[in-house]
Amino acid sequence: MDNQREPIKKSVERILRAHLSTRDSDMLLIYYVYRERGINTDKITATQLLERISKGEIPPPDSVTRYRRMAQEDRPELRGKNYEIRARREETIVAALREGEEVPL
């Protein structure tokens, strides 16, 4: 299947497998997704990028990151180094909120 027509979910999962650094960097993941869809980031303006997103030619960044989060939740092998750190931090915050304590920042 042509990478430009590949469903975003499959594209994100494949990129997470192929490029380990994208597991902890949403911006890098978005870059790879857009590059595969023919976006030359050296030559496109912000206006052109936003026009292509609004026309549905390329996925919006929040869709890319949403699929990354879903993939990493379902498939531990796709998680980056920061996944466990974020998960532990979330547990600490939830516990503090339940106890009515001040949330550590």
Protein backbone atom coordinates (compact mmCIF):
# COMPACT_ATOMS: atom_id res chain seq x y z
CA MET A 1 0.00 0.00 0.00
CA ASP A 2 1.21 3.50 -0.87
CA ASN A 3 2.36 5.25 2.34
CA GLN A 4 0.36 8.36 1.40
CA ARG A 5 -2.86 6.33 1.44
CA GLU A 6 -2.03 4.12 4.39
CA PRO A 7 -4.42 4.61 7.33
CA ILE A 8 -2.88 6.91 9.92
CA LYS A 9 -3.08 4.29 12.68
CA LYS A 10 -1.00 1.78 10.70
CA SER A 11 1.41 4.48 9.63
CA VAL A 12 1.99 5.62 13.23
CA GLU A 13 2.54 2.05 14.46
CA ARG A 14 4.99 1.31 11.65
CA ILE A 15 6.94 4.52 12.29
CA LEU A 16 7.08 3.78 16.04
CA ARG A 17 8.59 0.38 15.22
CA ALA A 18 11.07 1.71 12.67
CA HIS A 19 12.21 4.91 14.40
CA LEU A 20 12.68 4.39 18.13
CA SER A 21 13.22 8.09 18.82
CA THR A 22 9.62 8.82 17.74
CA ARG A 23 8.34 6.91 20.77
CA ASP A 24 9.27 9.85 23.02
CA SER A 25 8.95 12.73 20.55
CA ASP A 26 5.57 13.72 19.15
CA MET A 27 7.15 16.36 16.92
CA LEU A 28 9.49 13.82 15.35
CA LEU A 29 6.61 11.37 14.86
CA ILE A 30 4.53 14.07 13.16
CA TYR A 31 7.52 14.94 10.96
CA TYR A 32 7.85 11.32 9.78
CA VAL A 33 4.10 10.97 9.15
CA TYR A 34 4.04 14.17 7.10
CA ARG A 35 7.23 13.31 5.23
CA GLU A 36 5.72 9.98 4.20
CA ARG A 37 2.72 11.85 2.87
CA GLY A 38 4.88 13.99 0.61
CA ILE A 39 5.30 17.06 2.81
CA ASN A 40 8.70 18.66 2.30
CA THR A 41 9.10 20.58 5.54
CA ASP A 42 11.96 22.59 4.03
CA LYS A 43 9.71 24.06 1.34
CA ILE A 44 6.16 24.27 2.71
CA THR A 45 4.89 27.35 4.51
CA ALA A 46 2.80 27.20 7.67
CA THR A 47 -0.17 28.50 5.68
CA GLN A 48 0.20 25.74 3.09
CA LEU A 49 0.51 23.12 5.81
CA LEU A 50 -2.63 24.33 7.55
CA GLU A 51 -4.52 24.42 4.24
CA ARG A 52 -3.59 20.79 3.54
CA ILE A 53 -4.68 19.78 7.04
CA SER A 54 -8.00 21.62 6.68
CA LYS A 55 -8.64 19.94 3.31
CA GLY A 56 -8.02 16.54 4.89
CA GLU A 57 -4.99 15.86 2.73
CA ILE A 58 -2.83 15.16 5.78
CA PRO A 59 -3.85 14.30 9.35
CA PRO A 60 -3.87 16.99 12.02
CA PRO A 61 -1.08 16.70 14.60
CA ASP A 62 -3.51 15.81 17.39
CA SER A 63 -4.70 12.77 15.41
CA VAL A 64 -1.13 11.56 15.03
CA THR A 65 -0.43 11.92 18.75
CA ARG A 66 -3.77 10.33 19.69
CA TYR A 67 -2.87 7.24 17.64
CA ARG A 68 0.57 7.18 19.28
CA ARG A 69 -0.99 7.17 22.74
CA MET A 70 -3.44 4.42 21.80
CA ALA A 71 -0.70 2.30 20.24
CA GLN A 72 1.57 2.67 23.26
CA GLU A 73 -1.22 1.86 25.67
CA ASP A 74 -2.14 -1.33 23.79
CA ARG A 75 1.38 -2.42 22.82
CA PRO A 76 4.07 -2.11 25.51
CA GLU A 77 6.80 -2.84 22.96
CA LEU A 78 6.04 0.52 21.29
CA ARG A 79 6.49 2.53 24.48
CA GLY A 80 9.39 4.91 24.81
CA LYS A 81 11.65 5.57 27.74
CA ASN A 82 9.39 8.32 29.07
CA TYR A 83 6.22 6.20 29.18
CA GLU A 84 6.85 4.72 32.63
CA ILE A 85 7.99 8.06 34.03
CA ARG A 86 4.74 9.70 32.86
CA ALA A 87 2.66 6.78 34.19
CA ARG A 88 4.24 6.99 37.65
CA ARG A 89 3.75 10.76 37.72
CA GLU A 90 0.10 10.31 36.80
CA GLU A 91 -0.38 7.79 39.64
CA THR A 92 1.17 10.24 42.12
CA ILE A 93 -1.11 13.06 41.00
CA VAL A 94 -4.25 10.89 41.08
CA ALA A 95 -3.42 9.65 44.58
CA ALA A 96 -2.82 13.20 45.82
CA LEU A 97 -6.13 14.39 44.36
CA ARG A 98 -8.01 11.50 45.97
CA GLU A 99 -6.52 12.36 49.35
CA GLY A 100 -7.28 16.04 48.91
CA GLU A 101 -3.59 16.84 49.08
CA GLU A 102 -1.71 19.44 47.16
CA VAL A 103 -0.62 18.12 43.78
CA PRO A 104 3.17 17.97 43.50
CA LEU A 105 4.47 19.78 40.45
